[in-house]
């Protein structure tokens, strides 16, 4: 892993103007999760403009069931933050600091917009990069799954995800269908999105063969560490690695996962760590503890996915999960985030342009 990027090029005391847009972005196809289908992304976009005209954008996409943050609460707090910005940089950053623990999605939108505006080197790659991402299998029958798998493999995906967490026996059949369809040509990630009790997760994993399975993600509720501990022996017996996602919001949970042996993989997302700098630090800590980091948000727009891809290009060696930008009908970048042969492609020193006219057209509300 390369060393941390140098600080931004602009001084920390540049003045700023801040704007925000509230969007609802319908998806091309509903995204099926254990806690219900997602039909649209509820997203807040923040723009920070510095006194020299440099601008940056950040996002907070709120997913009910994944985070306790709500659209209504986030929008109200955004108004407070923009008001604090009008009273000076110190008050804004003090308010952000106070909100980091309870509203990380919200503070990420503001902090990353500022990092981008200040020219963060974390968002500028010195050489072109390809960041492999995973594809999603959502079919219900063997024929549908086989057709999906063939299409995804033809597009260059080498890692495919299957969503479970509904009912152990039926979920195990779904995984077996995916294994038959893939036939060793790709890795399979299984994601329960907290859908199981400990007993249901043990029932599910005991029905699996480990053919092509890379990992099994977040079987039980985020805060139920005891339930996860109960699943570990059953997963080990089947030769299946566990990953935590919803349980991880800070380095504190990373430390706990390592100490308890609850997982071999830890997934992190930019929107839970408040800044690019903190995200990089978390990835470094995961590796230092002997665990493997996975990065990416499957429910983020092209702004967040581009930022995560920049970090992944430097620090991650497995398939990223920053495929959310492929799901909505609308794109927010004037220059589309390139996707080819199963990977995001980022040119050297590429800086995307956000289409503000599109933000204005799609906005449900503005600040």
Protein backbone atom coordinates (compact mmCIF):
# COMPACT_ATOMS: atom_id res chain seq x y z
CA UNK A 1 0.00 0.00 0.00
CA UNK A 2 1.33 3.41 -0.92
CA UNK A 3 1.89 6.08 1.69
CA UNK A 4 -0.81 8.63 2.47
CA UNK A 5 -1.29 11.40 -0.05
CA UNK A 6 0.16 14.85 0.65
CA UNK A 7 -2.09 17.63 1.95
CA UNK A 8 -4.21 19.73 -0.39
CA UNK A 9 -2.65 22.56 -2.35
CA UNK A 10 -4.89 25.38 -1.11
CA UNK A 11 -4.66 27.01 2.24
CA UNK A 12 -7.09 25.96 4.99
CA UNK A 13 -8.49 29.46 5.50
CA UNK A 14 -9.91 30.11 2.02
CA UNK A 15 -13.39 31.60 2.21
CA UNK A 16 -16.27 29.61 0.83
CA UNK A 17 -19.78 29.64 -0.51
CA UNK A 18 -21.88 26.52 0.07
CA UNK A 19 -24.93 25.24 -1.79
CA UNK A 20 -26.93 22.02 -1.47
CA UNK A 21 -29.45 20.15 -3.61
CA UNK A 22 -31.85 17.41 -2.48
CA UNK A 23 -32.46 14.79 -5.18
CA UNK A 24 -34.43 11.60 -5.67
CA UNK A 25 -32.90 9.49 -8.44
CA UNK A 26 -35.04 6.58 -9.73
CA UNK A 27 -33.11 3.41 -10.50
CA UNK A 28 -33.14 1.58 -13.81
CA UNK A 29 -33.96 -1.67 -11.97
CA UNK A 30 -35.05 -1.98 -8.30
CA UNK A 31 -32.18 -3.03 -6.05
CA UNK A 32 -33.33 -5.96 -3.91
CA UNK A 33 -32.07 -5.98 -0.31
CA UNK A 34 -32.99 -8.00 2.76
CA UNK A 35 -34.67 -4.96 4.35
CA UNK A 36 -36.67 -4.11 1.21
CA UNK A 37 -36.25 -3.12 -2.43
CA UNK A 38 -34.59 0.20 -3.29
CA UNK A 39 -36.30 1.97 -6.19
CA UNK A 40 -34.54 5.35 -6.00
CA UNK A 41 -31.53 7.01 -4.39
CA UNK A 42 -32.32 9.80 -1.92
CA UNK A 43 -29.28 12.01 -2.26
CA UNK A 44 -28.04 15.36 -1.04
CA UNK A 45 -25.32 17.04 -3.11
CA UNK A 46 -23.16 19.78 -1.56
CA UNK A 47 -21.05 22.29 -3.51
CA UNK A 48 -18.27 24.29 -1.85
CA UNK A 49 -16.81 27.21 -3.81
CA UNK A 50 -13.60 28.83 -2.55
CA UNK A 51 -12.67 32.48 -2.93
CA UNK A 52 -10.42 31.70 -5.93
CA UNK A 53 -13.33 30.08 -7.77
CA UNK A 54 -12.26 26.48 -7.16
CA UNK A 55 -15.24 24.26 -6.43
CA UNK A 56 -15.82 20.81 -5.07
CA UNK A 57 -18.81 18.51 -4.63
CA UNK A 58 -19.76 15.90 -2.05
CA UNK A 59 -22.75 13.63 -1.57
CA UNK A 60 -24.80 11.97 1.12
CA UNK A 61 -27.07 9.20 -0.14
CA UNK A 62 -29.36 8.01 2.65
CA UNK A 63 -30.59 4.43 2.62
CA UNK A 64 -33.36 3.58 5.09
CA UNK A 65 -32.41 0.37 6.90
CA UNK A 66 -28.70 0.90 6.43
CA UNK A 67 -28.21 4.13 8.39
CA UNK A 68 -30.16 5.84 11.15
CA UNK A 69 -29.77 9.15 9.32
CA UNK A 70 -32.92 10.31 7.55
CA UNK A 71 -33.50 12.54 4.56
CA UNK A 72 -35.55 15.01 6.60
CA UNK A 73 -33.02 15.18 9.42
CA UNK A 74 -30.07 15.44 7.06
CA UNK A 75 -31.64 18.28 5.10
CA UNK A 76 -32.43 20.19 8.30
CA UNK A 77 -28.88 19.73 9.59
CA UNK A 78 -27.50 20.81 6.21
CA UNK A 79 -29.34 24.10 6.62
CA UNK A 80 -27.69 24.51 10.03
CA UNK A 81 -24.25 23.80 8.55
CA UNK A 82 -24.72 26.28 5.74
CA UNK A 83 -25.78 28.84 8.34
CA UNK A 84 -22.67 28.03 10.37
CA UNK A 85 -20.53 28.51 7.25
CA UNK A 86 -21.90 32.02 6.97
CA UNK A 87 -20.61 32.72 10.47
CA UNK A 88 -17.06 31.61 9.66
CA UNK A 89 -14.90 28.58 9.00
CA UNK A 90 -14.22 27.81 12.66
CA UNK A 91 -17.90 27.59 13.50
CA UNK A 92 -18.60 25.38 10.46
CA UNK A 93 -15.82 22.94 11.33
CA UNK A 94 -16.83 22.91 14.96
CA UNK A 95 -20.38 21.99 13.96
CA UNK A 96 -19.07 19.27 11.62
CA UNK A 97 -16.91 17.85 14.40
CA UNK A 98 -19.94 17.69 16.70
CA UNK A 99 -22.00 15.86 14.07
CA UNK A 100 -19.40 13.34 12.87
CA UNK A 101 -20.43 10.59 15.28
CA UNK A 102 -24.20 10.85 14.72
CA UNK A 103 -24.43 12.14 11.13
CA UNK A 104 -21.39 10.81 9.21
CA UNK A 105 -23.19 10.69 5.85
CA UNK A 106 -24.09 14.37 6.22
CA UNK A 107 -20.62 15.49 7.32
CA UNK A 108 -19.00 13.45 4.54
CA UNK A 109 -20.88 15.50 1.95
CA UNK A 110 -19.48 18.75 3.36
CA UNK A 111 -15.95 17.54 4.12
CA UNK A 112 -15.38 15.81 0.78
CA UNK A 113 -16.74 18.81 -1.14
CA UNK A 114 -14.15 20.91 0.65
CA UNK A 115 -11.38 18.36 0.03
CA UNK A 116 -12.21 18.39 -3.68
CA UNK A 117 -12.34 22.19 -3.81
CA UNK A 118 -8.97 22.42 -2.10
CA UNK A 119 -7.43 20.15 -4.74
CA UNK A 120 -6.86 17.07 -2.57
CA UNK A 121 -4.13 14.90 -4.03
CA UNK A 122 -6.21 11.90 -2.96
CA UNK A 123 -8.50 12.71 -5.89
CA UNK A 124 -5.76 13.08 -8.51
CA UNK A 125 -4.06 9.98 -9.87
CA UNK A 126 -0.64 10.46 -11.42
CA UNK A 127 -1.19 7.54 -13.81
CA UNK A 128 -4.32 6.11 -15.47
CA UNK A 129 -6.06 3.53 -13.30
CA UNK A 130 -8.50 0.67 -13.73
CA UNK A 131 -10.56 -0.18 -10.64
CA UNK A 132 -12.38 -3.53 -10.98
CA UNK A 133 -15.89 -3.51 -9.52
CA UNK A 134 -18.39 -6.28 -8.91
CA UNK A 135 -21.61 -7.13 -10.73
CA UNK A 136 -24.94 -8.10 -9.19
CA UNK A 137 -26.94 -11.29 -9.71
CA UNK A 138 -30.66 -10.77 -9.05
CA UNK A 139 -32.40 -13.53 -11.03
CA UNK A 140 -34.91 -15.89 -9.40
CA UNK A 141 -34.50 -19.02 -11.54
CA UNK A 142 -31.52 -21.02 -12.75
CA UNK A 143 -32.13 -19.82 -16.28
CA UNK A 144 -32.29 -16.16 -15.22
CA UNK A 145 -29.19 -16.43 -13.05
CA UNK A 146 -27.26 -18.20 -15.81
CA UNK A 147 -28.25 -15.54 -18.35
CA UNK A 148 -27.25 -12.74 -15.94
CA UNK A 149 -23.95 -14.41 -15.09
CA UNK A 150 -23.00 -14.91 -18.73
CA UNK A 151 -23.84 -11.29 -19.52
CA UNK A 152 -21.83 -9.96 -16.57
CA UNK A 153 -18.83 -12.15 -17.37
CA UNK A 154 -18.97 -10.99 -20.98
CA UNK A 155 -18.79 -7.39 -19.70
CA UNK A 156 -15.59 -8.18 -17.84
CA UNK A 157 -16.79 -8.67 -14.27
CA UNK A 158 -14.67 -11.13 -12.29
CA UNK A 159 -16.60 -10.85 -8.98
CA UNK A 160 -20.37 -11.21 -8.66
CA UNK A 161 -22.62 -10.54 -5.66
CA UNK A 162 -25.69 -12.47 -4.52
CA UNK A 163 -28.09 -10.87 -2.04
CA UNK A 164 -29.46 -13.15 0.69
CA UNK A 165 -30.88 -12.61 4.19
CA UNK A 166 -34.43 -13.59 3.31
CA UNK A 167 -34.88 -17.30 4.17
CA UNK A 168 -31.95 -19.72 4.72
CA UNK A 169 -33.07 -22.65 2.59
CA UNK A 170 -34.21 -20.57 -0.37
CA UNK A 171 -31.12 -18.35 -0.10
CA UNK A 172 -28.84 -21.40 -0.17
CA UNK A 173 -30.58 -22.57 -3.34
CA UNK A 174 -29.96 -19.14 -4.87
CA UNK A 175 -26.26 -19.33 -4.05
CA UNK A 176 -26.08 -22.84 -5.52
CA UNK A 177 -27.69 -21.53 -8.72
CA UNK A 178 -25.07 -18.78 -8.88
CA UNK A 179 -22.28 -21.31 -8.37
CA UNK A 180 -23.58 -23.49 -11.19
CA UNK A 181 -23.95 -20.46 -13.47
CA UNK A 182 -20.48 -19.10 -12.69
CA UNK A 183 -18.81 -22.53 -12.91
CA UNK A 184 -15.55 -21.23 -11.46
CA UNK A 185 -15.25 -18.29 -13.85
CA UNK A 186 -15.69 -15.61 -11.17
CA UNK A 187 -15.67 -15.07 -7.43
CA UNK A 188 -18.97 -14.84 -5.57
CA UNK A 189 -19.74 -12.51 -2.68
CA UNK A 190 -22.79 -13.24 -0.56
CA UNK A 191 -24.43 -10.33 1.28
CA UNK A 192 -27.14 -10.76 3.92
CA UNK A 193 -27.48 -7.04 4.77
CA UNK A 194 -28.14 -7.95 8.46
CA UNK A 195 -31.08 -10.13 7.44
CA UNK A 196 -30.47 -13.19 9.62
CA UNK A 197 -30.63 -14.10 13.26
CA UNK A 198 -27.61 -16.09 14.44
CA UNK A 199 -29.48 -19.39 14.12
CA UNK A 200 -30.75 -18.56 10.63
CA UNK A 201 -27.25 -17.53 9.51
CA UNK A 202 -25.79 -20.78 10.84
CA UNK A 203 -28.54 -22.73 9.08
CA UNK A 204 -27.82 -20.88 5.84
CA UNK A 205 -24.03 -21.22 5.88
CA UNK A 206 -24.20 -24.91 6.81
CA UNK A 207 -26.06 -25.54 3.54
CA UNK A 208 -23.32 -24.00 1.38
CA UNK A 209 -20.46 -25.46 -0.57
CA UNK A 210 -17.58 -23.01 -0.73
CA UNK A 211 -17.03 -23.30 -4.50
CA UNK A 212 -16.09 -19.85 -5.87
CA UNK A 213 -17.28 -18.09 -2.68
CA UNK A 214 -14.97 -15.22 -1.76
CA UNK A 215 -16.82 -14.11 1.39
CA UNK A 216 -20.12 -13.90 3.27
CA UNK A 217 -21.06 -10.35 4.28
CA UNK A 218 -22.89 -9.06 7.37
CA UNK A 219 -25.14 -11.98 8.31
CA UNK A 220 -26.63 -10.40 11.46
CA UNK A 221 -27.71 -7.03 12.83
CA UNK A 222 -24.98 -4.38 12.91
CA UNK A 223 -24.84 -4.06 16.69
CA UNK A 224 -25.27 -7.74 17.50
CA UNK A 225 -21.63 -8.76 17.87
CA UNK A 226 -22.63 -11.82 19.90
CA UNK A 227 -24.70 -13.12 16.98
CA UNK A 228 -21.75 -12.67 14.62
CA UNK A 229 -19.51 -14.54 17.05
CA UNK A 230 -21.93 -17.46 16.95
CA UNK A 231 -21.78 -17.60 13.14
CA UNK A 232 -17.98 -17.64 12.94
CA UNK A 233 -17.43 -21.37 13.76
CA UNK A 234 -20.08 -22.47 11.25
CA UNK A 235 -18.56 -20.32 8.51
CA UNK A 236 -15.07 -21.60 9.29
CA UNK A 237 -16.31 -25.19 9.15
CA UNK A 238 -17.48 -24.55 5.58
CA UNK A 239 -14.28 -22.73 4.63
CA UNK A 240 -16.14 -19.43 4.11
CA UNK A 241 -14.69 -16.07 5.15
CA UNK A 242 -16.89 -13.46 6.85
CA UNK A 243 -17.02 -9.72 6.19
CA UNK A 244 -18.56 -6.93 8.27
CA UNK A 245 -20.08 -3.83 6.67
CA UNK A 246 -23.00 -2.28 8.56
CA UNK A 247 -21.18 -2.96 11.85
CA UNK A 248 -18.28 -0.71 10.85
CA UNK A 249 -18.46 3.07 11.32
CA UNK A 250 -15.06 3.92 12.81
CA UNK A 251 -11.70 2.50 13.71
CA UNK A 252 -13.21 1.49 17.04
CA UNK A 253 -15.36 -1.17 15.32
CA UNK A 254 -12.43 -2.23 13.15
CA UNK A 255 -10.41 -2.86 16.32
CA UNK A 256 -13.28 -4.81 17.84
CA UNK A 257 -13.70 -6.98 14.75
CA UNK A 258 -10.01 -7.85 14.78
CA UNK A 259 -9.91 -8.56 18.52
CA UNK A 260 -13.01 -10.79 18.40
CA UNK A 261 -12.15 -12.64 15.21
CA UNK A 262 -15.59 -11.72 13.85
CA UNK A 263 -14.41 -11.30 10.27
CA UNK A 264 -11.49 -11.67 7.89
CA UNK A 265 -12.70 -8.86 5.64
CA UNK A 266 -13.85 -5.37 6.60
CA UNK A 267 -15.84 -3.23 4.18
CA UNK A 268 -15.59 0.53 4.42
CA UNK A 269 -17.47 3.30 2.63
CA UNK A 270 -16.55 6.92 2.26
CA UNK A 271 -19.93 8.10 3.55
CA UNK A 272 -19.32 6.52 6.95
CA UNK A 273 -15.89 8.04 7.60
CA UNK A 274 -16.58 11.75 7.00
CA UNK A 275 -13.50 12.47 4.86
CA UNK A 276 -11.09 10.96 2.37
CA UNK A 277 -8.27 11.29 4.88
CA UNK A 278 -10.14 9.31 7.52
CA UNK A 279 -11.14 6.67 4.99
CA UNK A 280 -7.50 6.13 4.02
CA UNK A 281 -6.54 5.91 7.70
CA UNK A 282 -9.22 3.25 8.29
CA UNK A 283 -7.96 1.16 5.36
CA UNK A 284 -4.45 1.37 6.73
CA UNK A 285 -5.63 0.25 10.17
CA UNK A 286 -7.52 -2.73 8.70
CA UNK A 287 -4.35 -3.95 7.00
CA UNK A 288 -2.22 -3.32 10.09
CA UNK A 289 -4.54 -5.61 12.06
CA UNK A 290 -4.10 -8.42 9.54
CA UNK A 291 -7.52 -8.08 7.92
CA UNK A 292 -8.41 -7.39 4.30
CA UNK A 293 -10.17 -4.14 3.35
CA UNK A 294 -12.98 -3.95 0.81
CA UNK A 295 -14.19 -0.54 -0.38
CA UNK A 296 -17.25 0.75 -2.11
CA UNK A 297 -20.84 1.92 -1.97
CA UNK A 298 -23.46 0.26 -4.15
CA UNK A 299 -25.93 3.05 -3.39
CA UNK A 300 -23.96 6.18 -4.23
CA UNK A 301 -23.97 8.46 -7.27
CA UNK A 302 -21.11 8.96 -9.68
CA UNK A 303 -19.61 11.64 -7.39
CA UNK A 304 -19.11 9.32 -4.43
CA UNK A 305 -18.15 6.37 -6.64
CA UNK A 306 -15.43 8.41 -8.37
CA UNK A 307 -13.97 9.46 -5.02
CA UNK A 308 -13.97 5.89 -3.73
CA UNK A 309 -12.42 4.64 -6.96
CA UNK A 310 -9.56 7.14 -6.56
CA UNK A 311 -8.85 5.72 -3.10
CA UNK A 312 -9.25 2.13 -4.29
CA UNK A 313 -6.76 2.67 -7.10
CA UNK A 314 -4.07 3.32 -4.48
CA UNK A 315 -5.05 1.06 -1.62
CA UNK A 316 -7.38 -1.84 -2.56
CA UNK A 317 -6.52 -5.10 -4.28
CA UNK A 318 -9.94 -6.73 -4.68
CA UNK A 319 -13.13 -5.85 -6.55
CA UNK A 320 -14.65 -2.57 -5.44
CA UNK A 321 -18.31 -2.19 -4.59
CA UNK A 322 -18.59 1.39 -5.88
CA UNK A 323 -21.07 0.41 -8.60
CA UNK A 324 -23.92 2.65 -7.42
CA UNK A 325 -23.35 5.08 -10.30
CA UNK A 326 -24.55 2.41 -12.75
CA UNK A 327 -27.96 2.06 -11.08
CA UNK A 328 -29.79 5.45 -11.46
CA UNK A 329 -31.39 6.57 -14.70
CA UNK A 330 -29.66 9.96 -14.42
CA UNK A 331 -25.93 10.73 -14.16
CA UNK A 332 -24.68 13.80 -12.34
CA UNK A 333 -21.35 14.24 -14.11
CA UNK A 334 -21.06 16.19 -17.34
CA UNK A 335 -18.18 13.85 -18.26
CA UNK A 336 -19.41 10.35 -17.50
CA UNK A 337 -17.41 8.16 -15.15
CA UNK A 338 -15.96 5.62 -17.57
CA UNK A 339 -16.79 1.93 -17.13
CA UNK A 340 -15.25 -0.70 -19.39
CA UNK A 341 -14.52 -4.44 -19.12
CA UNK A 342 -15.69 -4.72 -15.52
CA UNK A 343 -13.75 -1.73 -14.23
CA UNK A 344 -13.97 2.00 -13.63
CA UNK A 345 -11.35 3.73 -15.75
CA UNK A 346 -9.84 6.97 -14.45
CA UNK A 347 -7.45 9.00 -16.61
CA UNK A 348 -4.36 10.51 -15.04
CA UNK A 349 -5.11 13.76 -13.16
CA UNK A 350 -8.78 13.56 -14.22
CA UNK A 351 -11.18 15.91 -12.47
CA UNK A 352 -14.86 15.38 -13.32
CA UNK A 353 -17.27 18.21 -13.96
CA UNK A 354 -20.59 18.02 -12.13
CA UNK A 355 -23.55 19.04 -14.30
CA UNK A 356 -25.13 21.77 -12.18
CA UNK A 357 -27.96 22.16 -14.69
CA UNK A 358 -28.89 18.54 -14.02
CA UNK A 359 -28.83 19.17 -10.27
CA UNK A 360 -31.14 22.14 -10.74
CA UNK A 361 -33.49 20.15 -12.98
CA UNK A 362 -33.73 17.19 -10.59
CA UNK A 363 -33.79 19.12 -7.32
CA UNK A 364 -36.66 18.55 -4.90
CA UNK A 365 -35.24 21.36 -2.75
CA UNK A 366 -32.21 23.66 -2.60
CA UNK A 367 -30.20 25.46 0.05
